[in-house]
Amino acid sequence: MVEGNTKKLLRSIMAKAASYVEILISALLLIGILIGAINLGTELIAMGKVALIAPDITMPVEEYLATGLQLIIGVEFIKMISKHTVGSTIDVLLFAIARKLVLSHGGTIDLLLGIIAIAILFIIKRYFGNKCERCPIDPAKAKPKES
């Protein structure tokens, strides 16, 4: 009996410790994303100066877009870690697939599969995600219904 209580206590302590580590990692990721956003802003200013001085030079817009989309995916990832909901997980997947579609130079089949994947995710979010937006991914964390 005592051994069972000790295991339960240790599991509780480990879960709380993991939660704090998760928060710490999320904060570090957010700081990195903020630094990346500042770099993105300075890149935009530099691209604008070059465009004004030498309009015939081709700008690295694709790299700029890739960086911006990567930062957005990072923000959505932090939201997913914080919320632990089905909807936030679907959002991360949507942005990741959209980034791949926009930036890849794959074939028609790759493009079609990406569009189908996004459509499926939108259907899942529409019919399942919105109903369970506040539902945690872990059913054990779900609040009991009031009678």
C-alpha atoms as a PDB file:
ATOM      1  CA  MET A   1       0.000   0.000   0.000  1.00  0.00           C
ATOM      2  CA  VAL A   2       2.784   2.405   0.934  1.00  0.00           C
ATOM      3  CA  GLU A   3       4.713   1.445  -2.196  1.00  0.00           C
ATOM      4  CA  GLY A   4       1.704   2.344  -4.371  1.00  0.00           C
ATOM      5  CA  ASN A   5       1.425   5.780  -2.735  1.00  0.00           C
ATOM      6  CA  THR A   6       5.149   6.367  -3.220  1.00  0.00           C
ATOM      7  CA  LYS A   7       4.878   5.512  -6.919  1.00  0.00           C
ATOM      8  CA  LYS A   8       1.904   7.834  -7.286  1.00  0.00           C
ATOM      9  CA  LEU A   9       3.798  10.658  -5.538  1.00  0.00           C
ATOM     10  CA  LEU A  10       6.905  10.128  -7.679  1.00  0.00           C
ATOM     11  CA  ARG A  11       4.805  10.103 -10.863  1.00  0.00           C
ATOM     12  CA  SER A  12       3.168  13.332  -9.785  1.00  0.00           C
ATOM     13  CA  ILE A  13       6.537  14.960  -9.071  1.00  0.00           C
ATOM     14  CA  MET A  14       7.920  13.800 -12.434  1.00  0.00           C
ATOM     15  CA  ALA A  15       4.872  15.119 -14.290  1.00  0.00           C
ATOM     16  CA  LYS A  16       5.211  18.522 -12.612  1.00  0.00           C
ATOM     17  CA  ALA A  17       8.960  18.633 -13.319  1.00  0.00           C
ATOM     18  CA  ALA A  18       8.362  17.733 -16.980  1.00  0.00           C
ATOM     19  CA  SER A  19       5.735  20.474 -17.189  1.00  0.00           C
ATOM     20  CA  TYR A  20       8.191  23.067 -15.859  1.00  0.00           C
ATOM     21  CA  VAL A  21      10.892  21.897 -18.270  1.00  0.00           C
ATOM     22  CA  GLU A  22       8.356  22.169 -21.084  1.00  0.00           C
ATOM     23  CA  ILE A  23       7.599  25.769 -20.067  1.00  0.00           C
ATOM     24  CA  LEU A  24      11.318  26.587 -19.904  1.00  0.00           C
ATOM     25  CA  ILE A  25      11.942  25.153 -23.373  1.00  0.00           C
ATOM     26  CA  SER A  26       8.925  27.067 -24.722  1.00  0.00           C
ATOM     27  CA  ALA A  27      10.307  30.304 -23.259  1.00  0.00           C
ATOM     28  CA  LEU A  28      13.718  29.667 -24.827  1.00  0.00           C
ATOM     29  CA  LEU A  29      12.075  28.927 -28.177  1.00  0.00           C
ATOM     30  CA  LEU A  30      10.056  32.137 -27.911  1.00  0.00           C
ATOM     31  CA  ILE A  31      13.208  34.165 -27.253  1.00  0.00           C
ATOM     32  CA  GLY A  32      14.828  32.563 -30.307  1.00  0.00           C
ATOM     33  CA  ILE A  33      11.771  33.351 -32.427  1.00  0.00           C
ATOM     34  CA  LEU A  34      11.805  36.974 -31.254  1.00  0.00           C
ATOM     35  CA  ILE A  35      15.475  37.252 -32.242  1.00  0.00           C
ATOM     36  CA  GLY A  36      14.621  35.677 -35.600  1.00  0.00           C
ATOM     37  CA  ALA A  37      11.769  38.166 -36.084  1.00  0.00           C
ATOM     38  CA  ILE A  38      14.129  41.073 -35.403  1.00  0.00           C
ATOM     39  CA  ASN A  39      16.550  39.624 -37.959  1.00  0.00           C
ATOM     40  CA  LEU A  40      13.682  39.273 -40.424  1.00  0.00           C
ATOM     41  CA  GLY A  41      12.829  42.949 -39.947  1.00  0.00           C
ATOM     42  CA  THR A  42      16.407  44.066 -40.521  1.00  0.00           C
ATOM     43  CA  GLU A  43      16.545  41.846 -43.621  1.00  0.00           C
ATOM     44  CA  LEU A  44      13.429  43.548 -44.955  1.00  0.00           C
ATOM     45  CA  ILE A  45      14.969  46.977 -44.452  1.00  0.00           C
ATOM     46  CA  ALA A  46      18.145  45.862 -46.231  1.00  0.00           C
ATOM     47  CA  MET A  47      16.136  44.376 -49.110  1.00  0.00           C
ATOM     48  CA  GLY A  48      14.206  47.646 -49.425  1.00  0.00           C
ATOM     49  CA  LYS A  49      17.417  49.678 -49.601  1.00  0.00           C
ATOM     50  CA  VAL A  50      18.852  47.396 -52.282  1.00  0.00           C
ATOM     51  CA  ALA A  51      15.599  47.551 -54.264  1.00  0.00           C
ATOM     52  CA  LEU A  52      15.694  51.357 -54.226  1.00  0.00           C
ATOM     53  CA  ILE A  53      19.360  51.625 -55.169  1.00  0.00           C
ATOM     54  CA  ALA A  54      19.515  48.849 -57.764  1.00  0.00           C
ATOM     55  CA  PRO A  55      16.032  47.807 -58.919  1.00  0.00           C
ATOM     56  CA  ASP A  56      17.441  45.373 -61.507  1.00  0.00           C
ATOM     57  CA  ILE A  57      18.943  43.085 -58.839  1.00  0.00           C
ATOM     58  CA  THR A  58      16.890  39.962 -58.036  1.00  0.00           C
ATOM     59  CA  MET A  59      15.926  39.822 -54.373  1.00  0.00           C
ATOM     60  CA  PRO A  60      16.090  36.582 -52.308  1.00  0.00           C
ATOM     61  CA  VAL A  61      12.358  36.687 -51.605  1.00  0.00           C
ATOM     62  CA  GLU A  62      12.063  32.894 -51.375  1.00  0.00           C
ATOM     63  CA  GLU A  63      14.618  32.737 -48.539  1.00  0.00           C
ATOM     64  CA  TYR A  64      12.872  35.618 -46.793  1.00  0.00           C
ATOM     65  CA  LEU A  65       9.514  33.864 -47.100  1.00  0.00           C
ATOM     66  CA  ALA A  66      11.009  30.584 -45.849  1.00  0.00           C
ATOM     67  CA  THR A  67      12.386  32.315 -42.765  1.00  0.00           C
ATOM     68  CA  GLY A  68       9.087  34.058 -42.041  1.00  0.00           C
ATOM     69  CA  LEU A  69       7.070  30.878 -42.424  1.00  0.00           C
ATOM     70  CA  GLN A  70       9.537  29.007 -40.214  1.00  0.00           C
ATOM     71  CA  LEU A  71       9.059  31.623 -37.483  1.00  0.00           C
ATOM     72  CA  ILE A  72       5.272  31.311 -37.785  1.00  0.00           C
ATOM     73  CA  ILE A  73       5.521  27.538 -37.456  1.00  0.00           C
ATOM     74  CA  GLY A  74       7.673  28.079 -34.363  1.00  0.00           C
ATOM     75  CA  VAL A  75       5.037  30.330 -32.792  1.00  0.00           C
ATOM     76  CA  GLU A  76       2.293  27.805 -33.564  1.00  0.00           C
ATOM     77  CA  PHE A  77       4.488  25.061 -32.097  1.00  0.00           C
ATOM     78  CA  ILE A  78       4.838  27.019 -28.848  1.00  0.00           C
ATOM     79  CA  LYS A  79       1.061  27.497 -28.775  1.00  0.00           C
ATOM     80  CA  MET A  80       0.642  23.759 -29.299  1.00  0.00           C
ATOM     81  CA  ILE A  81       2.987  23.000 -26.406  1.00  0.00           C
ATOM     82  CA  SER A  82       1.159  25.487 -24.187  1.00  0.00           C
ATOM     83  CA  LYS A  83      -2.429  24.543 -25.005  1.00  0.00           C
ATOM     84  CA  HIS A  84      -2.219  20.770 -25.521  1.00  0.00           C
ATOM     85  CA  THR A  85      -5.329  20.824 -27.746  1.00  0.00           C
ATOM     86  CA  VAL A  86      -6.227  19.019 -30.941  1.00  0.00           C
ATOM     87  CA  GLY A  87      -6.844  22.322 -32.734  1.00  0.00           C
ATOM     88  CA  SER A  88      -3.397  23.709 -31.966  1.00  0.00           C
ATOM     89  CA  THR A  89      -1.771  20.505 -33.200  1.00  0.00           C
ATOM     90  CA  ILE A  90      -3.724  20.709 -36.455  1.00  0.00           C
ATOM     91  CA  ASP A  91      -2.649  24.354 -36.855  1.00  0.00           C
ATOM     92  CA  VAL A  92       1.026  23.382 -36.640  1.00  0.00           C
ATOM     93  CA  LEU A  93       0.511  20.675 -39.245  1.00  0.00           C
ATOM     94  CA  LEU A  94      -1.381  23.073 -41.524  1.00  0.00           C
ATOM     95  CA  PHE A  95       1.386  25.668 -41.422  1.00  0.00           C
ATOM     96  CA  ALA A  96       4.112  23.064 -41.925  1.00  0.00           C
ATOM     97  CA  ILE A  97       2.399  21.563 -44.968  1.00  0.00           C
ATOM     98  CA  ALA A  98       1.592  25.012 -46.378  1.00  0.00           C
ATOM     99  CA  ARG A  99       5.240  26.034 -45.999  1.00  0.00           C
ATOM    100  CA  LYS A 100       6.332  22.897 -47.819  1.00  0.00           C
ATOM    101  CA  LEU A 101       3.874  23.577 -50.633  1.00  0.00           C
ATOM    102  CA  VAL A 102       4.849  27.214 -51.045  1.00  0.00           C
ATOM    103  CA  LEU A 103       8.601  26.687 -50.945  1.00  0.00           C
ATOM    104  CA  SER A 104       9.106  23.283 -52.548  1.00  0.00           C
ATOM    105  CA  HIS A 105       9.816  22.782 -56.193  1.00  0.00           C
ATOM    106  CA  GLY A 106       8.303  19.318 -56.257  1.00  0.00           C
ATOM    107  CA  GLY A 107       6.192  17.779 -58.938  1.00  0.00           C
ATOM    108  CA  THR A 108       2.486  17.912 -59.562  1.00  0.00           C
ATOM    109  CA  ILE A 109       1.835  14.785 -57.497  1.00  0.00           C
ATOM    110  CA  ASP A 110       3.614  16.337 -54.490  1.00  0.00           C
ATOM    111  CA  LEU A 111       1.530  19.477 -54.861  1.00  0.00           C
ATOM    112  CA  LEU A 112      -1.688  17.469 -55.175  1.00  0.00           C
ATOM    113  CA  LEU A 113      -0.873  15.342 -52.108  1.00  0.00           C
ATOM    114  CA  GLY A 114      -0.096  18.479 -50.095  1.00  0.00           C
ATOM    115  CA  ILE A 115      -3.390  20.076 -51.091  1.00  0.00           C
ATOM    116  CA  ILE A 116      -5.268  16.883 -50.200  1.00  0.00           C
ATOM    117  CA  ALA A 117      -3.476  16.775 -46.827  1.00  0.00           C
ATOM    118  CA  ILE A 118      -4.458  20.388 -46.106  1.00  0.00           C
ATOM    119  CA  ALA A 119      -8.057  19.666 -47.145  1.00  0.00           C
ATOM    120  CA  ILE A 120      -8.188  16.659 -44.820  1.00  0.00           C
ATOM    121  CA  LEU A 121      -6.773  18.733 -41.943  1.00  0.00           C
ATOM    122  CA  PHE A 122      -9.365  21.461 -42.567  1.00  0.00           C
ATOM    123  CA  ILE A 123     -12.128  18.839 -42.548  1.00  0.00           C
ATOM    124  CA  ILE A 124     -10.794  17.359 -39.311  1.00  0.00           C
ATOM    125  CA  LYS A 125     -10.546  20.805 -37.746  1.00  0.00           C
ATOM    126  CA  ARG A 126     -14.022  21.776 -38.935  1.00  0.00           C
ATOM    127  CA  TYR A 127     -15.823  18.671 -37.753  1.00  0.00           C
ATOM    128  CA  PHE A 128     -13.683  17.540 -34.828  1.00  0.00           C
ATOM    129  CA  GLY A 129     -11.218  20.268 -33.857  1.00  0.00           C
ATOM    130  CA  ASN A 130     -13.679  23.080 -33.185  1.00  0.00           C
ATOM    131  CA  LYS A 131     -15.884  20.851 -31.047  1.00  0.00           C
ATOM    132  CA  CYS A 132     -12.884  19.938 -28.990  1.00  0.00           C
ATOM    133  CA  GLU A 133     -10.825  23.167 -29.138  1.00  0.00           C
ATOM    134  CA  ARG A 134     -10.641  23.303 -25.369  1.00  0.00           C
ATOM    135  CA  CYS A 135     -10.273  19.545 -25.026  1.00  0.00           C
ATOM    136  CA  PRO A 136      -6.820  18.426 -24.013  1.00  0.00           C
ATOM    137  CA  ILE A 137      -5.047  15.842 -26.143  1.00  0.00           C
ATOM    138  CA  ASP A 138      -4.699  13.648 -23.060  1.00  0.00           C
ATOM    139  CA  PRO A 139      -8.211  12.432 -22.103  1.00  0.00           C
ATOM    140  CA  ALA A 140      -7.072  11.984 -18.493  1.00  0.00           C
ATOM    141  CA  LYS A 141      -6.802  15.778 -18.233  1.00  0.00           C
ATOM    142  CA  ALA A 142     -10.371  16.305 -19.403  1.00  0.00           C
ATOM    143  CA  LYS A 143     -12.673  17.941 -16.907  1.00  0.00           C
ATOM    144  CA  PRO A 144     -15.554  15.733 -15.731  1.00  0.00           C
ATOM    145  CA  LYS A 145     -19.013  16.763 -16.920  1.00  0.00           C
ATOM    146  CA  GLU A 146     -21.262  18.385 -14.353  1.00  0.00           C
ATOM    147  CA  SER A 147     -24.551  16.580 -13.752  1.00  0.00           C
END
